[in-house]
PDB file of N, CA and C in Angstrom:
ATOM      1  N   MET A   1       0.444   6.797  -2.838  1.00  0.00           N
ATOM      2  CA  MET A   1      -0.604   5.938  -3.628  1.00  0.00           C
ATOM      3  C   MET A   1      -1.073   6.760  -4.547  1.00  0.00           C
ATOM      4  N   THR A   2      -1.357   6.266  -5.876  1.00  0.00           N
ATOM      5  CA  THR A   2      -1.946   7.005  -7.034  1.00  0.00           C
ATOM      6  C   THR A   2      -3.277   6.291  -7.364  1.00  0.00           C
ATOM      7  N   LEU A   3      -4.282   6.979  -8.116  1.00  0.00           N
ATOM      8  CA  LEU A   3      -5.296   6.404  -8.371  1.00  0.00           C
ATOM      9  C   LEU A   3      -5.194   5.098  -9.286  1.00  0.00           C
ATOM     10  N   GLY A   4      -4.209   5.168  -9.917  1.00  0.00           N
ATOM     11  CA  GLY A   4      -3.763   3.720 -10.742  1.00  0.00           C
ATOM     12  C   GLY A   4      -3.262   2.768  -9.806  1.00  0.00           C
ATOM     13  N   HIS A   5      -2.706   2.955  -8.511  1.00  0.00           N
ATOM     14  CA  HIS A   5      -2.283   1.977  -7.583  1.00  0.00           C
ATOM     15  C   HIS A   5      -3.439   1.491  -7.093  1.00  0.00           C
ATOM     16  N   GLU A   6      -4.435   2.169  -6.688  1.00  0.00           N
ATOM     17  CA  GLU A   6      -5.695   2.079  -6.215  1.00  0.00           C
ATOM     18  C   GLU A   6      -6.599   1.221  -7.260  1.00  0.00           C
ATOM     19  N   ASP A   7      -6.707   1.509  -8.219  1.00  0.00           N
ATOM     20  CA  ASP A   7      -7.280   0.764  -9.166  1.00  0.00           C
ATOM     21  C   ASP A   7      -6.953  -0.924  -9.241  1.00  0.00           C
ATOM     22  N   ILE A   8      -5.419  -0.953  -9.407  1.00  0.00           N
ATOM     23  CA  ILE A   8      -4.775  -2.081  -9.570  1.00  0.00           C
ATOM     24  C   ILE A   8      -5.366  -2.994  -8.304  1.00  0.00           C
ATOM     25  N   VAL A   9      -5.256  -2.535  -7.161  1.00  0.00           N
ATOM     26  CA  VAL A   9      -5.592  -3.264  -6.078  1.00  0.00           C
ATOM     27  C   VAL A   9      -7.079  -3.627  -5.908  1.00  0.00           C
ATOM     28  N   ARG A  10      -7.684  -2.710  -6.369  1.00  0.00           N
ATOM     29  CA  ARG A  10      -9.405  -3.091  -6.515  1.00  0.00           C
ATOM     30  C   ARG A  10      -9.892  -3.958  -7.617  1.00  0.00           C
ATOM     31  N   ARG A  11      -9.041  -4.145  -8.555  1.00  0.00           N
ATOM     32  CA  ARG A  11      -9.276  -5.015  -9.377  1.00  0.00           C
ATOM     33  C   ARG A  11      -8.667  -6.532  -9.114  1.00  0.00           C
ATOM     34  N   THR A  12      -7.450  -6.292  -8.363  1.00  0.00           N
ATOM     35  CA  THR A  12      -6.787  -7.629  -7.953  1.00  0.00           C
ATOM     36  C   THR A  12      -7.841  -8.387  -6.870  1.00  0.00           C
ATOM     37  N   LEU A  13      -8.317  -7.490  -6.143  1.00  0.00           N
ATOM     38  CA  LEU A  13      -9.365  -8.341  -5.379  1.00  0.00           C
ATOM     39  C   LEU A  13     -10.545  -8.919  -5.901  1.00  0.00           C
ATOM     40  N   ARG A  14     -10.983  -8.859  -7.120  1.00  0.00           N
ATOM     41  CA  ARG A  14     -11.853  -9.779  -7.744  1.00  0.00           C
ATOM     42  C   ARG A  14     -11.129 -11.081  -7.786  1.00  0.00           C
ATOM     43  N   PHE A  15      -9.832 -11.440  -7.668  1.00  0.00           N
ATOM     44  CA  PHE A  15      -9.318 -12.802  -8.125  1.00  0.00           C
ATOM     45  C   PHE A  15      -8.750 -13.360  -6.907  1.00  0.00           C
ATOM     46  N   CYS A  16      -8.705 -12.638  -5.645  1.00  0.00           N
ATOM     47  CA  CYS A  16      -8.321 -13.367  -4.586  1.00  0.00           C
ATOM     48  C   CYS A  16      -8.833 -12.982  -3.118  1.00  0.00           C
ATOM     49  N   ASP A  17      -8.811 -13.542  -2.103  1.00  0.00           N
ATOM     50  CA  ASP A  17      -9.659 -13.410  -0.834  1.00  0.00           C
ATOM     51  C   ASP A  17      -8.898 -12.410  -0.082  1.00  0.00           C
ATOM     52  N   ARG A  18      -7.704 -12.356  -0.180  1.00  0.00           N
ATOM     53  CA  ARG A  18      -6.747 -11.376   0.552  1.00  0.00           C
ATOM     54  C   ARG A  18      -5.387 -10.825  -0.081  1.00  0.00           C
ATOM     55  N   LEU A  19      -5.163  -9.625   0.104  1.00  0.00           N
ATOM     56  CA  LEU A  19      -4.089  -9.045  -0.909  1.00  0.00           C
ATOM     57  C   LEU A  19      -3.262  -8.273   0.363  1.00  0.00           C
ATOM     58  N   VAL A  20      -2.102  -8.676   0.233  1.00  0.00           N
ATOM     59  CA  VAL A  20      -0.986  -8.046   1.247  1.00  0.00           C
ATOM     60  C   VAL A  20      -0.093  -6.903   0.378  1.00  0.00           C
ATOM     61  N   ILE A  21      -0.227  -5.997   0.843  1.00  0.00           N
ATOM     62  CA  ILE A  21       0.628  -4.666   0.220  1.00  0.00           C
ATOM     63  C   ILE A  21       1.718  -4.408   1.104  1.00  0.00           C
ATOM     64  N   ALA A  22       3.052  -4.622   0.461  1.00  0.00           N
ATOM     65  CA  ALA A  22       4.147  -4.511   1.309  1.00  0.00           C
ATOM     66  C   ALA A  22       4.962  -3.139   0.836  1.00  0.00           C
ATOM     67  N   VAL A  23       5.062  -2.389   1.804  1.00  0.00           N
ATOM     68  CA  VAL A  23       5.851  -1.058   1.842  1.00  0.00           C
ATOM     69  C   VAL A  23       7.212  -1.357   2.095  1.00  0.00           C
ATOM     70  N   ALA A  24       8.207  -1.057   1.072  1.00  0.00           N
ATOM     71  CA  ALA A  24       9.570  -1.149   1.215  1.00  0.00           C
ATOM     72  C   ALA A  24      10.015  -0.281   2.082  1.00  0.00           C
ATOM     73  N   ARG A  25      11.386  -0.775   2.599  1.00  0.00           N
ATOM     74  CA  ARG A  25      12.372   0.185   3.318  1.00  0.00           C
ATOM     75  C   ARG A  25      13.552  -0.389   2.870  1.00  0.00           C
ATOM     76  N   SER A  26      14.226   0.927   2.529  1.00  0.00           N
ATOM     77  CA  SER A  26      15.575   0.519   2.111  1.00  0.00           C
ATOM     78  C   SER A  26      16.617   1.375   2.651  1.00  0.00           C
ATOM     79  N   PRO A  27      17.309   1.061   3.862  1.00  0.00           N
ATOM     80  CA  PRO A  27      18.233   1.995   4.363  1.00  0.00           C
ATOM     81  C   PRO A  27      19.284   2.287   3.491  1.00  0.00           C
ATOM     82  N   THR A  28      19.825   1.606   2.430  1.00  0.00           N
ATOM     83  CA  THR A  28      20.923   1.892   1.513  1.00  0.00           C
ATOM     84  C   THR A  28      20.326   2.558   0.211  1.00  0.00           C
ATOM     85  N   HIS A  29      19.106   3.191  -0.019  1.00  0.00           N
ATOM     86  CA  HIS A  29      18.581   3.734  -0.945  1.00  0.00           C
ATOM     87  C   HIS A  29      18.961   5.163  -0.751  1.00  0.00           C
ATOM     88  N   GLN A  30      19.622   5.826  -1.639  1.00  0.00           N
ATOM     89  CA  GLN A  30      20.125   7.172  -1.537  1.00  0.00           C
ATOM     90  C   GLN A  30      19.071   8.380  -1.678  1.00  0.00           C
ATOM     91  N   LYS A  31      17.934   7.905  -2.370  1.00  0.00           N
ATOM     92  CA  LYS A  31      17.150   9.018  -2.784  1.00  0.00           C
ATOM     93  C   LYS A  31      16.293   9.197  -1.505  1.00  0.00           C
ATOM     94  N   LYS A  32      15.963  10.411  -1.054  1.00  0.00           N
ATOM     95  CA  LYS A  32      15.028  10.484   0.296  1.00  0.00           C
ATOM     96  C   LYS A  32      13.560  10.423  -0.776  1.00  0.00           C
ATOM     97  N   ALA A  33      12.782   9.646   0.292  1.00  0.00           N
ATOM     98  CA  ALA A  33      11.234   9.262  -0.360  1.00  0.00           C
ATOM     99  C   ALA A  33      10.490  10.611  -0.015  1.00  0.00           C
ATOM    100  N   LEU A  34       9.431  10.784  -0.869  1.00  0.00           N
ATOM    101  CA  LEU A  34       8.550  11.834  -0.389  1.00  0.00           C
ATOM    102  C   LEU A  34       7.808  11.681   0.953  1.00  0.00           C
ATOM    103  N   PHE A  35       7.310  10.337   0.965  1.00  0.00           N
ATOM    104  CA  PHE A  35       6.619  10.155   2.464  1.00  0.00           C
ATOM    105  C   PHE A  35       7.574   9.345   2.908  1.00  0.00           C
ATOM    106  N   SER A  36       7.392   9.034   4.427  1.00  0.00           N
ATOM    107  CA  SER A  36       8.134   8.187   5.114  1.00  0.00           C
ATOM    108  C   SER A  36       7.552   6.981   5.273  1.00  0.00           C
ATOM    109  N   VAL A  37       7.935   5.600   5.632  1.00  0.00           N
ATOM    110  CA  VAL A  37       7.088   4.590   5.580  1.00  0.00           C
ATOM    111  C   VAL A  37       5.885   4.563   6.532  1.00  0.00           C
ATOM    112  N   ASP A  38       5.867   5.260   7.622  1.00  0.00           N
ATOM    113  CA  ASP A  38       4.858   5.378   8.169  1.00  0.00           C
ATOM    114  C   ASP A  38       3.854   6.064   7.696  1.00  0.00           C
ATOM    115  N   GLU A  39       4.048   7.337   6.963  1.00  0.00           N
ATOM    116  CA  GLU A  39       3.126   7.929   6.359  1.00  0.00           C
ATOM    117  C   GLU A  39       2.394   7.033   5.123  1.00  0.00           C
ATOM    118  N   ARG A  40       3.420   6.507   4.360  1.00  0.00           N
ATOM    119  CA  ARG A  40       2.478   5.558   3.343  1.00  0.00           C
ATOM    120  C   ARG A  40       1.886   4.444   3.771  1.00  0.00           C
ATOM    121  N   LEU A  41       2.194   3.862   5.117  1.00  0.00           N
ATOM    122  CA  LEU A  41       1.328   3.060   5.697  1.00  0.00           C
ATOM    123  C   LEU A  41      -0.301   3.830   5.886  1.00  0.00           C
ATOM    124  N   GLU A  42      -0.167   4.695   6.520  1.00  0.00           N
ATOM    125  CA  GLU A  42      -1.390   5.898   6.868  1.00  0.00           C
ATOM    126  C   GLU A  42      -2.063   6.010   5.537  1.00  0.00           C
ATOM    127  N   ILE A  43      -1.404   6.405   4.742  1.00  0.00           N
ATOM    128  CA  ILE A  43      -2.025   6.784   3.323  1.00  0.00           C
ATOM    129  C   ILE A  43      -2.922   5.272   2.763  1.00  0.00           C
ATOM    130  N   ILE A  44      -2.226   4.406   2.912  1.00  0.00           N
ATOM    131  CA  ILE A  44      -2.705   3.080   2.546  1.00  0.00           C
ATOM    132  C   ILE A  44      -4.066   2.813   3.310  1.00  0.00           C
ATOM    133  N   SER A  45      -3.899   2.783   4.743  1.00  0.00           N
ATOM    134  CA  SER A  45      -4.889   2.569   5.435  1.00  0.00           C
ATOM    135  C   SER A  45      -6.187   3.496   5.307  1.00  0.00           C
ATOM    136  N   GLU A  46      -6.027   4.838   4.978  1.00  0.00           N
ATOM    137  CA  GLU A  46      -6.873   5.792   4.745  1.00  0.00           C
ATOM    138  C   GLU A  46      -7.917   5.224   3.489  1.00  0.00           C
ATOM    139  N   VAL A  47      -6.981   4.756   2.395  1.00  0.00           N
ATOM    140  CA  VAL A  47      -7.700   4.446   1.031  1.00  0.00           C
ATOM    141  C   VAL A  47      -8.286   2.989   1.418  1.00  0.00           C
ATOM    142  N   PHE A  48      -7.755   2.078   1.982  1.00  0.00           N
ATOM    143  CA  PHE A  48      -8.345   0.659   2.173  1.00  0.00           C
ATOM    144  C   PHE A  48      -8.791   0.079   3.431  1.00  0.00           C
ATOM    145  N   GLY A  49      -9.105   1.432   4.459  1.00  0.00           N
ATOM    146  CA  GLY A  49      -9.428   0.831   5.712  1.00  0.00           C
ATOM    147  C   GLY A  49     -10.739   0.137   5.944  1.00  0.00           C
ATOM    148  N   ASP A  50     -11.678   0.407   4.954  1.00  0.00           N
ATOM    149  CA  ASP A  50     -12.882  -0.291   4.966  1.00  0.00           C
ATOM    150  C   ASP A  50     -12.937  -1.665   4.169  1.00  0.00           C
ATOM    151  N   THR A  51     -11.502  -2.152   3.678  1.00  0.00           N
ATOM    152  CA  THR A  51     -11.559  -3.066   2.855  1.00  0.00           C
ATOM    153  C   THR A  51     -10.796  -4.367   3.645  1.00  0.00           C
ATOM    154  N   PRO A  52     -11.340  -5.091   4.260  1.00  0.00           N
ATOM    155  CA  PRO A  52     -10.754  -6.123   5.252  1.00  0.00           C
ATOM    156  C   PRO A  52      -9.885  -7.141   4.546  1.00  0.00           C
ATOM    157  N   GLN A  53     -10.123  -7.393   3.122  1.00  0.00           N
ATOM    158  CA  GLN A  53      -9.085  -7.967   2.493  1.00  0.00           C
ATOM    159  C   GLN A  53      -8.047  -7.664   2.199  1.00  0.00           C
ATOM    160  N   VAL A  54      -7.733  -6.328   2.446  1.00  0.00           N
ATOM    161  CA  VAL A  54      -6.349  -5.486   2.194  1.00  0.00           C
ATOM    162  C   VAL A  54      -5.559  -5.473   3.468  1.00  0.00           C
ATOM    163  N   GLU A  55      -4.576  -6.087   3.499  1.00  0.00           N
ATOM    164  CA  GLU A  55      -3.376  -6.025   4.796  1.00  0.00           C
ATOM    165  C   GLU A  55      -2.129  -5.268   4.187  1.00  0.00           C
ATOM    166  N   CYS A  56      -1.706  -4.287   4.875  1.00  0.00           N
ATOM    167  CA  CYS A  56      -0.607  -3.451   4.775  1.00  0.00           C
ATOM    168  C   CYS A  56       0.680  -3.747   5.796  1.00  0.00           C
ATOM    169  N   VAL A  57       1.781  -4.248   5.029  1.00  0.00           N
ATOM    170  CA  VAL A  57       2.974  -4.594   6.076  1.00  0.00           C
ATOM    171  C   VAL A  57       4.307  -3.954   5.403  1.00  0.00           C
ATOM    172  N   THR A  58       5.302  -3.757   6.316  1.00  0.00           N
ATOM    173  CA  THR A  58       6.429  -3.265   5.871  1.00  0.00           C
ATOM    174  C   THR A  58       7.351  -4.377   5.959  1.00  0.00           C
TER     175      THR A  58
END
């Protein structure tokens, strides 16, 4: 999650009551991700944990 991602989410919340962030899993993807899916979910939860309008799913 970059500051740009965070900015996009916070701006989007001005236009909607609920925002769902989908974290992708791709078993066929060749490149190893820097963070696992669980780690990415945790990062998003740390950034938006105090924002009830944001839901994160896989």
